[in-house]
Amino acid sequence: MVTIEAMATGLPVIGTDAGGTTELLDFGKAGILMPPQDEKAMAEALKKVYQDKTLREELTQIGQKRVKETFSHTTQCRLVEALLARL
């Protein structure tokens, strides 16, 4: 949930390319993915986000849009309703 909450509040997200984070960040389109346990990659990602205002704004917009379209309560309710209708 922390990744979704960060995107929803407008924070640019850096996450590890592992587990559910990869999908939550839309395979790198909604945030920066880095290899797990790679402190150099983390430092580079932080530097990139810190120095590039355009990138920060872009990741903010993409992340908020993704949360609204994919993870909002309305969207999740529609998905559950569709699943129940198929049962």
PDB file of N, CA and C in Angstrom:
ATOM      1  N   MET A   1       0.809  -1.205   0.000  1.00  0.00           N
ATOM      2  CA  MET A   1       0.000   0.000   0.000  1.00  0.00           C
ATOM      3  C   MET A   1       0.850   1.266   0.000  1.00  0.00           C
ATOM      4  N   VAL A   2       2.034   1.218   0.554  1.00  0.00           N
ATOM      5  CA  VAL A   2       2.837   2.432   0.674  1.00  0.00           C
ATOM      6  C   VAL A   2       3.189   3.000  -0.704  1.00  0.00           C
ATOM      7  N   THR A   3       3.410   2.148  -1.680  1.00  0.00           N
ATOM      8  CA  THR A   3       3.728   2.620  -3.032  1.00  0.00           C
ATOM      9  C   THR A   3       2.529   3.343  -3.632  1.00  0.00           C
ATOM     10  N   ILE A   4       1.359   2.767  -3.493  1.00  0.00           N
ATOM     11  CA  ILE A   4       0.138   3.386  -4.015  1.00  0.00           C
ATOM     12  C   ILE A   4      -0.150   4.688  -3.278  1.00  0.00           C
ATOM     13  N   GLU A   5       0.018   4.684  -1.972  1.00  0.00           N
ATOM     14  CA  GLU A   5      -0.229   5.903  -1.188  1.00  0.00           C
ATOM     15  C   GLU A   5       0.741   7.010  -1.587  1.00  0.00           C
ATOM     16  N   ALA A   6       1.989   6.668  -1.818  1.00  0.00           N
ATOM     17  CA  ALA A   6       2.974   7.675  -2.226  1.00  0.00           C
ATOM     18  C   ALA A   6       2.594   8.275  -3.582  1.00  0.00           C
ATOM     19  N   MET A   7       2.226   7.422  -4.531  1.00  0.00           N
ATOM     20  CA  MET A   7       1.816   7.930  -5.843  1.00  0.00           C
ATOM     21  C   MET A   7       0.570   8.801  -5.721  1.00  0.00           C
ATOM     22  N   ALA A   8      -0.374   8.382  -4.895  1.00  0.00           N
ATOM     23  CA  ALA A   8      -1.627   9.130  -4.737  1.00  0.00           C
ATOM     24  C   ALA A   8      -1.384  10.526  -4.180  1.00  0.00           C
ATOM     25  N   THR A   9      -0.397  10.661  -3.306  1.00  0.00           N
ATOM     26  CA  THR A   9      -0.131  11.969  -2.705  1.00  0.00           C
ATOM     27  C   THR A   9       0.788  12.834  -3.554  1.00  0.00           C
ATOM     28  N   GLY A  10       1.232  12.308  -4.708  1.00  0.00           N
ATOM     29  CA  GLY A  10       2.030  13.104  -5.615  1.00  0.00           C
ATOM     30  C   GLY A  10       3.521  13.016  -5.410  1.00  0.00           C
ATOM     31  N   LEU A  11       3.971  11.960  -4.770  1.00  0.00           N
ATOM     32  CA  LEU A  11       5.412  11.773  -4.607  1.00  0.00           C
ATOM     33  C   LEU A  11       5.967  10.952  -5.764  1.00  0.00           C
ATOM     34  N   PRO A  12       7.123  11.335  -6.313  1.00  0.00           N
ATOM     35  CA  PRO A  12       7.754  10.467  -7.299  1.00  0.00           C
ATOM     36  C   PRO A  12       8.289   9.236  -6.568  1.00  0.00           C
ATOM     37  N   VAL A  13       8.073   8.068  -7.136  1.00  0.00           N
ATOM     38  CA  VAL A  13       8.393   6.830  -6.428  1.00  0.00           C
ATOM     39  C   VAL A  13       9.596   6.133  -7.053  1.00  0.00           C
ATOM     40  N   ILE A  14      10.483   5.689  -6.172  1.00  0.00           N
ATOM     41  CA  ILE A  14      11.606   4.833  -6.545  1.00  0.00           C
ATOM     42  C   ILE A  14      11.374   3.521  -5.814  1.00  0.00           C
ATOM     43  N   GLY A  15      11.368   2.423  -6.554  1.00  0.00           N
ATOM     44  CA  GLY A  15      11.118   1.129  -5.923  1.00  0.00           C
ATOM     45  C   GLY A  15      12.003   0.049  -6.503  1.00  0.00           C
ATOM     46  N   THR A  16      12.070  -1.064  -5.813  1.00  0.00           N
ATOM     47  CA  THR A  16      12.865  -2.179  -6.301  1.00  0.00           C
ATOM     48  C   THR A  16      12.098  -2.952  -7.364  1.00  0.00           C
ATOM     49  N   ASP A  17      12.827  -3.417  -8.336  1.00  0.00           N
ATOM     50  CA  ASP A  17      12.251  -4.191  -9.429  1.00  0.00           C
ATOM     51  C   ASP A  17      12.087  -5.637  -8.966  1.00  0.00           C
ATOM     52  N   ALA A  18      11.164  -5.802  -8.033  1.00  0.00           N
ATOM     53  CA  ALA A  18      10.909  -7.118  -7.463  1.00  0.00           C
ATOM     54  C   ALA A  18       9.504  -7.155  -6.894  1.00  0.00           C
ATOM     55  N   GLY A  19       8.928  -8.329  -6.889  1.00  0.00           N
ATOM     56  CA  GLY A  19       7.604  -8.493  -6.300  1.00  0.00           C
ATOM     57  C   GLY A  19       6.555  -7.619  -6.969  1.00  0.00           C
ATOM     58  N   GLY A  20       5.609  -7.165  -6.170  1.00  0.00           N
ATOM     59  CA  GLY A  20       4.498  -6.376  -6.684  1.00  0.00           C
ATOM     60  C   GLY A  20       4.858  -4.954  -7.070  1.00  0.00           C
ATOM     61  N   THR A  21       5.978  -4.458  -6.596  1.00  0.00           N
ATOM     62  CA  THR A  21       6.369  -3.079  -6.894  1.00  0.00           C
ATOM     63  C   THR A  21       6.529  -2.865  -8.390  1.00  0.00           C
ATOM     64  N   THR A  22       7.075  -3.844  -9.079  1.00  0.00           N
ATOM     65  CA  THR A  22       7.272  -3.732 -10.525  1.00  0.00           C
ATOM     66  C   THR A  22       5.951  -3.457 -11.230  1.00  0.00           C
ATOM     67  N   GLU A  23       4.933  -4.214 -10.875  1.00  0.00           N
ATOM     68  CA  GLU A  23       3.610  -4.034 -11.494  1.00  0.00           C
ATOM     69  C   GLU A  23       2.960  -2.734 -11.035  1.00  0.00           C
ATOM     70  N   LEU A  24       3.071  -2.409  -9.745  1.00  0.00           N
ATOM     71  CA  LEU A  24       2.480  -1.171  -9.243  1.00  0.00           C
ATOM     72  C   LEU A  24       3.040   0.048  -9.972  1.00  0.00           C
ATOM     73  N   LEU A  25       4.333   0.020 -10.287  1.00  0.00           N
ATOM     74  CA  LEU A  25       4.968   1.129 -10.988  1.00  0.00           C
ATOM     75  C   LEU A  25       4.885   0.955 -12.503  1.00  0.00           C
ATOM     76  N   ASP A  26       3.982   0.094 -12.940  1.00  0.00           N
ATOM     77  CA  ASP A  26       3.719  -0.125 -14.361  1.00  0.00           C
ATOM     78  C   ASP A  26       5.011  -0.380 -15.131  1.00  0.00           C
ATOM     79  N   PHE A  27       5.827  -1.259 -14.556  1.00  0.00           N
ATOM     80  CA  PHE A  27       7.076  -1.703 -15.173  1.00  0.00           C
ATOM     81  C   PHE A  27       7.999  -0.530 -15.526  1.00  0.00           C
ATOM     82  N   GLY A  28       8.008   0.472 -14.627  1.00  0.00           N
ATOM     83  CA  GLY A  28       8.919   1.606 -14.769  1.00  0.00           C
ATOM     84  C   GLY A  28       8.316   2.830 -15.426  1.00  0.00           C
ATOM     85  N   LYS A  29       7.054   2.761 -15.815  1.00  0.00           N
ATOM     86  CA  LYS A  29       6.409   3.921 -16.443  1.00  0.00           C
ATOM     87  C   LYS A  29       5.886   4.916 -15.409  1.00  0.00           C
ATOM     88  N   ALA A  30       5.560   4.441 -14.214  1.00  0.00           N
ATOM     89  CA  ALA A  30       4.980   5.306 -13.177  1.00  0.00           C
ATOM     90  C   ALA A  30       5.946   5.577 -12.034  1.00  0.00           C
ATOM     91  N   GLY A  31       7.177   5.151 -12.170  1.00  0.00           N
ATOM     92  CA  GLY A  31       8.187   5.358 -11.143  1.00  0.00           C
ATOM     93  C   GLY A  31       9.505   4.781 -11.616  1.00  0.00           C
ATOM     94  N   ILE A  32      10.517   4.988 -10.840  1.00  0.00           N
ATOM     95  CA  ILE A  32      11.844   4.480 -11.195  1.00  0.00           C
ATOM     96  C   ILE A  32      12.053   3.140 -10.504  1.00  0.00           C
ATOM     97  N   LEU A  33      12.402   2.141 -11.296  1.00  0.00           N
ATOM     98  CA  LEU A  33      12.711   0.820 -10.752  1.00  0.00           C
ATOM     99  C   LEU A  33      14.220   0.624 -10.702  1.00  0.00           C
ATOM    100  N   MET A  34      14.658  -0.005  -9.635  1.00  0.00           N
ATOM    101  CA  MET A  34      16.083  -0.295  -9.469  1.00  0.00           C
ATOM    102  C   MET A  34      16.230  -1.720  -8.968  1.00  0.00           C
ATOM    103  N   PRO A  35      17.378  -2.339  -9.214  1.00  0.00           N
ATOM    104  CA  PRO A  35      17.578  -3.700  -8.717  1.00  0.00           C
ATOM    105  C   PRO A  35      17.564  -3.734  -7.189  1.00  0.00           C
ATOM    106  N   PRO A  36      17.034  -4.806  -6.618  1.00  0.00           N
ATOM    107  CA  PRO A  36      17.056  -4.938  -5.153  1.00  0.00           C
ATOM    108  C   PRO A  36      18.493  -4.934  -4.618  1.00  0.00           C
ATOM    109  N   GLN A  37      18.662  -4.344  -3.457  1.00  0.00           N
ATOM    110  CA  GLN A  37      19.927  -4.322  -2.732  1.00  0.00           C
ATOM    111  C   GLN A  37      21.074  -3.717  -3.541  1.00  0.00           C
ATOM    112  N   ASP A  38      20.751  -2.699  -4.351  1.00  0.00           N
ATOM    113  CA  ASP A  38      21.774  -2.038  -5.162  1.00  0.00           C
ATOM    114  C   ASP A  38      21.853  -0.579  -4.723  1.00  0.00           C
ATOM    115  N   GLU A  39      22.728  -0.307  -3.760  1.00  0.00           N
ATOM    116  CA  GLU A  39      22.806   1.039  -3.196  1.00  0.00           C
ATOM    117  C   GLU A  39      23.280   2.073  -4.220  1.00  0.00           C
ATOM    118  N   LYS A  40      24.095   1.659  -5.181  1.00  0.00           N
ATOM    119  CA  LYS A  40      24.529   2.585  -6.226  1.00  0.00           C
ATOM    120  C   LYS A  40      23.341   3.002  -7.095  1.00  0.00           C
ATOM    121  N   ALA A  41      22.520   2.048  -7.453  1.00  0.00           N
ATOM    122  CA  ALA A  41      21.333   2.347  -8.272  1.00  0.00           C
ATOM    123  C   ALA A  41      20.372   3.241  -7.491  1.00  0.00           C
ATOM    124  N   MET A  42      20.252   3.007  -6.196  1.00  0.00           N
ATOM    125  CA  MET A  42      19.386   3.846  -5.358  1.00  0.00           C
ATOM    126  C   MET A  42      19.914   5.275  -5.328  1.00  0.00           C
ATOM    127  N   ALA A  43      21.208   5.422  -5.132  1.00  0.00           N
ATOM    128  CA  ALA A  43      21.804   6.759  -5.097  1.00  0.00           C
ATOM    129  C   ALA A  43      21.598   7.478  -6.432  1.00  0.00           C
ATOM    130  N   GLU A  44      21.783   6.774  -7.532  1.00  0.00           N
ATOM    131  CA  GLU A  44      21.587   7.372  -8.852  1.00  0.00           C
ATOM    132  C   GLU A  44      20.130   7.771  -9.077  1.00  0.00           C
ATOM    133  N   ALA A  45      19.206   6.917  -8.662  1.00  0.00           N
ATOM    134  CA  ALA A  45      17.778   7.226  -8.820  1.00  0.00           C
ATOM    135  C   ALA A  45      17.394   8.446  -7.986  1.00  0.00           C
ATOM    136  N   LEU A  46      17.878   8.499  -6.753  1.00  0.00           N
ATOM    137  CA  LEU A  46      17.600   9.656  -5.895  1.00  0.00           C
ATOM    138  C   LEU A  46      18.176  10.939  -6.495  1.00  0.00           C
ATOM    139  N   LYS A  47      19.392  10.854  -6.994  1.00  0.00           N
ATOM    140  CA  LYS A  47      20.042  12.011  -7.608  1.00  0.00           C
ATOM    141  C   LYS A  47      19.252  12.479  -8.834  1.00  0.00           C
ATOM    142  N   LYS A  48      18.829  11.521  -9.647  1.00  0.00           N
ATOM    143  CA  LYS A  48      18.070  11.832 -10.851  1.00  0.00           C
ATOM    144  C   LYS A  48      16.760  12.539 -10.515  1.00  0.00           C
ATOM    145  N   VAL A  49      16.016  12.012  -9.557  1.00  0.00           N
ATOM    146  CA  VAL A  49      14.735  12.615  -9.162  1.00  0.00           C
ATOM    147  C   VAL A  49      14.963  13.985  -8.524  1.00  0.00           C
ATOM    148  N   TYR A  50      15.989  14.111  -7.729  1.00  0.00           N
ATOM    149  CA  TYR A  50      16.291  15.379  -7.061  1.00  0.00           C
ATOM    150  C   TYR A  50      16.675  16.470  -8.061  1.00  0.00           C
ATOM    151  N   GLN A  51      17.459  16.114  -9.048  1.00  0.00           N
ATOM    152  CA  GLN A  51      17.983  17.104  -9.972  1.00  0.00           C
ATOM    153  C   GLN A  51      17.065  17.429 -11.153  1.00  0.00           C
ATOM    154  N   ASP A  52      16.152  16.547 -11.480  1.00  0.00           N
ATOM    155  CA  ASP A  52      15.343  16.707 -12.690  1.00  0.00           C
ATOM    156  C   ASP A  52      13.891  17.045 -12.346  1.00  0.00           C
ATOM    157  N   LYS A  53      13.593  18.346 -12.333  1.00  0.00           N
ATOM    158  CA  LYS A  53      12.247  18.802 -11.977  1.00  0.00           C
ATOM    159  C   LYS A  53      11.199  18.263 -12.952  1.00  0.00           C
ATOM    160  N   THR A  54      11.528  18.225 -14.222  1.00  0.00           N
ATOM    161  CA  THR A  54      10.595  17.713 -15.227  1.00  0.00           C
ATOM    162  C   THR A  54      10.252  16.251 -14.945  1.00  0.00           C
ATOM    163  N   LEU A  55      11.254  15.466 -14.624  1.00  0.00           N
ATOM    164  CA  LEU A  55      11.036  14.057 -14.295  1.00  0.00           C
ATOM    165  C   LEU A  55      10.144  13.929 -13.069  1.00  0.00           C
ATOM    166  N   ARG A  56      10.419  14.718 -12.029  1.00  0.00           N
ATOM    167  CA  ARG A  56       9.593  14.680 -10.809  1.00  0.00           C
ATOM    168  C   ARG A  56       8.135  14.967 -11.134  1.00  0.00           C
ATOM    169  N   GLU A  57       7.906  16.007 -11.915  1.00  0.00           N
ATOM    170  CA  GLU A  57       6.534  16.388 -12.269  1.00  0.00           C
ATOM    171  C   GLU A  57       5.858  15.308 -13.116  1.00  0.00           C
ATOM    172  N   GLU A  58       6.613  14.739 -14.031  1.00  0.00           N
ATOM    173  CA  GLU A  58       6.087  13.681 -14.894  1.00  0.00           C
ATOM    174  C   GLU A  58       5.698  12.456 -14.072  1.00  0.00           C
ATOM    175  N   LEU A  59       6.604  12.029 -13.188  1.00  0.00           N
ATOM    176  CA  LEU A  59       6.305  10.864 -12.340  1.00  0.00           C
ATOM    177  C   LEU A  59       5.122  11.138 -11.423  1.00  0.00           C
ATOM    178  N   THR A  60       5.002  12.362 -10.937  1.00  0.00           N
ATOM    179  CA  THR A  60       3.868  12.738 -10.096  1.00  0.00           C
ATOM    180  C   THR A  60       2.569  12.594 -10.862  1.00  0.00           C
ATOM    181  N   GLN A  61       2.519  13.152 -12.050  1.00  0.00           N
ATOM    182  CA  GLN A  61       1.290  13.099 -12.852  1.00  0.00           C
ATOM    183  C   GLN A  61       0.934  11.679 -13.252  1.00  0.00           C
ATOM    184  N   ILE A  62       1.919  10.932 -13.730  1.00  0.00           N
ATOM    185  CA  ILE A  62       1.668   9.549 -14.151  1.00  0.00           C
ATOM    186  C   ILE A  62       1.225   8.702 -12.963  1.00  0.00           C
ATOM    187  N   GLY A  63       1.898   8.860 -11.827  1.00  0.00           N
ATOM    188  CA  GLY A  63       1.554   8.085 -10.638  1.00  0.00           C
ATOM    189  C   GLY A  63       0.151   8.382 -10.142  1.00  0.00           C
ATOM    190  N   GLN A  64      -0.211   9.647 -10.063  1.00  0.00           N
ATOM    191  CA  GLN A  64      -1.554  10.001  -9.596  1.00  0.00           C
ATOM    192  C   GLN A  64      -2.623   9.496 -10.563  1.00  0.00           C
ATOM    193  N   LYS A  65      -2.350   9.603 -11.846  1.00  0.00           N
ATOM    194  CA  LYS A  65      -3.311   9.104 -12.838  1.00  0.00           C
ATOM    195  C   LYS A  65      -3.467   7.591 -12.710  1.00  0.00           C
ATOM    196  N   ARG A  66      -2.351   6.891 -12.539  1.00  0.00           N
ATOM    197  CA  ARG A  66      -2.405   5.427 -12.406  1.00  0.00           C
ATOM    198  C   ARG A  66      -3.208   5.013 -11.179  1.00  0.00           C
ATOM    199  N   VAL A  67      -2.985   5.696 -10.071  1.00  0.00           N
ATOM    200  CA  VAL A  67      -3.724   5.367  -8.850  1.00  0.00           C
ATOM    201  C   VAL A  67      -5.216   5.592  -9.065  1.00  0.00           C
ATOM    202  N   LYS A  68      -5.558   6.715  -9.652  1.00  0.00           N
ATOM    203  CA  LYS A  68      -6.966   7.038  -9.872  1.00  0.00           C
ATOM    204  C   LYS A  68      -7.630   6.017 -10.794  1.00  0.00           C
ATOM    205  N   GLU A  69      -6.953   5.654 -11.878  1.00  0.00           N
ATOM    206  CA  GLU A  69      -7.546   4.756 -12.861  1.00  0.00           C
ATOM    207  C   GLU A  69      -7.511   3.287 -12.448  1.00  0.00           C
ATOM    208  N   THR A  70      -6.518   2.894 -11.683  1.00  0.00           N
ATOM    209  CA  THR A  70      -6.320   1.475 -11.398  1.00  0.00           C
ATOM    210  C   THR A  70      -6.640   1.069  -9.967  1.00  0.00           C
ATOM    211  N   PHE A  71      -6.376   1.948  -9.010  1.00  0.00           N
ATOM    212  CA  PHE A  71      -6.463   1.542  -7.614  1.00  0.00           C
ATOM    213  C   PHE A  71      -7.489   2.319  -6.797  1.00  0.00           C
ATOM    214  N   SER A  72      -8.285   3.163  -7.439  1.00  0.00           N
ATOM    215  CA  SER A  72      -9.281   3.924  -6.674  1.00  0.00           C
ATOM    216  C   SER A  72     -10.352   2.982  -6.127  1.00  0.00           C
ATOM    217  N   HIS A  73     -11.063   3.464  -5.114  1.00  0.00           N
ATOM    218  CA  HIS A  73     -12.142   2.655  -4.540  1.00  0.00           C
ATOM    219  C   HIS A  73     -13.192   2.322  -5.596  1.00  0.00           C
ATOM    220  N   THR A  74     -13.505   3.283  -6.439  1.00  0.00           N
ATOM    221  CA  THR A  74     -14.508   3.076  -7.485  1.00  0.00           C
ATOM    222  C   THR A  74     -14.072   1.971  -8.439  1.00  0.00           C
ATOM    223  N   THR A  75     -12.838   2.037  -8.885  1.00  0.00           N
ATOM    224  CA  THR A  75     -12.322   1.022  -9.806  1.00  0.00           C
ATOM    225  C   THR A  75     -12.292  -0.340  -9.144  1.00  0.00           C
ATOM    226  N   GLN A  76     -11.826  -0.397  -7.918  1.00  0.00           N
ATOM    227  CA  GLN A  76     -11.755  -1.681  -7.220  1.00  0.00           C
ATOM    228  C   GLN A  76     -13.151  -2.277  -6.980  1.00  0.00           C
ATOM    229  N   CYS A  77     -14.118  -1.430  -6.660  1.00  0.00           N
ATOM    230  CA  CYS A  77     -15.496  -1.917  -6.481  1.00  0.00           C
ATOM    231  C   CYS A  77     -16.044  -2.477  -7.788  1.00  0.00           C
ATOM    232  N   ARG A  78     -15.763  -1.790  -8.896  1.00  0.00           N
ATOM    233  CA  ARG A  78     -16.218  -2.289 -10.207  1.00  0.00           C
ATOM    234  C   ARG A  78     -15.592  -3.643 -10.508  1.00  0.00           C
ATOM    235  N   LEU A  79     -14.324  -3.797 -10.203  1.00  0.00           N
ATOM    236  CA  LEU A  79     -13.658  -5.076 -10.447  1.00  0.00           C
ATOM    237  C   LEU A  79     -14.251  -6.194  -9.594  1.00  0.00           C
ATOM    238  N   VAL A  80     -14.539  -5.911  -8.336  1.00  0.00           N
ATOM    239  CA  VAL A  80     -15.149  -6.916  -7.459  1.00  0.00           C
ATOM    240  C   VAL A  80     -16.549  -7.262  -7.953  1.00  0.00           C
ATOM    241  N   GLU A  81     -17.316  -6.257  -8.343  1.00  0.00           N
ATOM    242  CA  GLU A  81     -18.666  -6.501  -8.869  1.00  0.00           C
ATOM    243  C   GLU A  81     -18.612  -7.367 -10.125  1.00  0.00           C
ATOM    244  N   ALA A  82     -17.678  -7.100 -11.017  1.00  0.00           N
ATOM    245  CA  ALA A  82     -17.534  -7.886 -12.236  1.00  0.00           C
ATOM    246  C   ALA A  82     -17.155  -9.331 -11.908  1.00  0.00           C
ATOM    247  N   LEU A  83     -16.269  -9.496 -10.935  1.00  0.00           N
ATOM    248  CA  LEU A  83     -15.878 -10.843 -10.510  1.00  0.00           C
ATOM    249  C   LEU A  83     -17.073 -11.587  -9.934  1.00  0.00           C
ATOM    250  N   LEU A  84     -17.824 -10.940  -9.068  1.00  0.00           N
ATOM    251  CA  LEU A  84     -18.996 -11.585  -8.464  1.00  0.00           C
ATOM    252  C   LEU A  84     -20.053 -11.917  -9.506  1.00  0.00           C
ATOM    253  N   ALA A  85     -20.203 -11.078 -10.498  1.00  0.00           N
ATOM    254  CA  ALA A  85     -21.185 -11.328 -11.562  1.00  0.00           C
ATOM    255  C   ALA A  85     -20.810 -12.572 -12.383  1.00  0.00           C
ATOM    256  N   ARG A  86     -19.515 -12.829 -12.502  1.00  0.00           N
ATOM    257  CA  ARG A  86     -19.065 -14.001 -13.258  1.00  0.00           C
ATOM    258  C   ARG A  86     -19.214 -15.308 -12.470  1.00  0.00           C
ATOM    259  N   LEU A  87     -19.377 -15.242 -11.181  1.00  0.00           N
ATOM    260  CA  LEU A  87     -19.454 -16.464 -10.353  1.00  0.00           C
ATOM    261  C   LEU A  87     -20.785 -17.150 -10.444  1.00  0.00           C
TER     262      LEU A  87
END
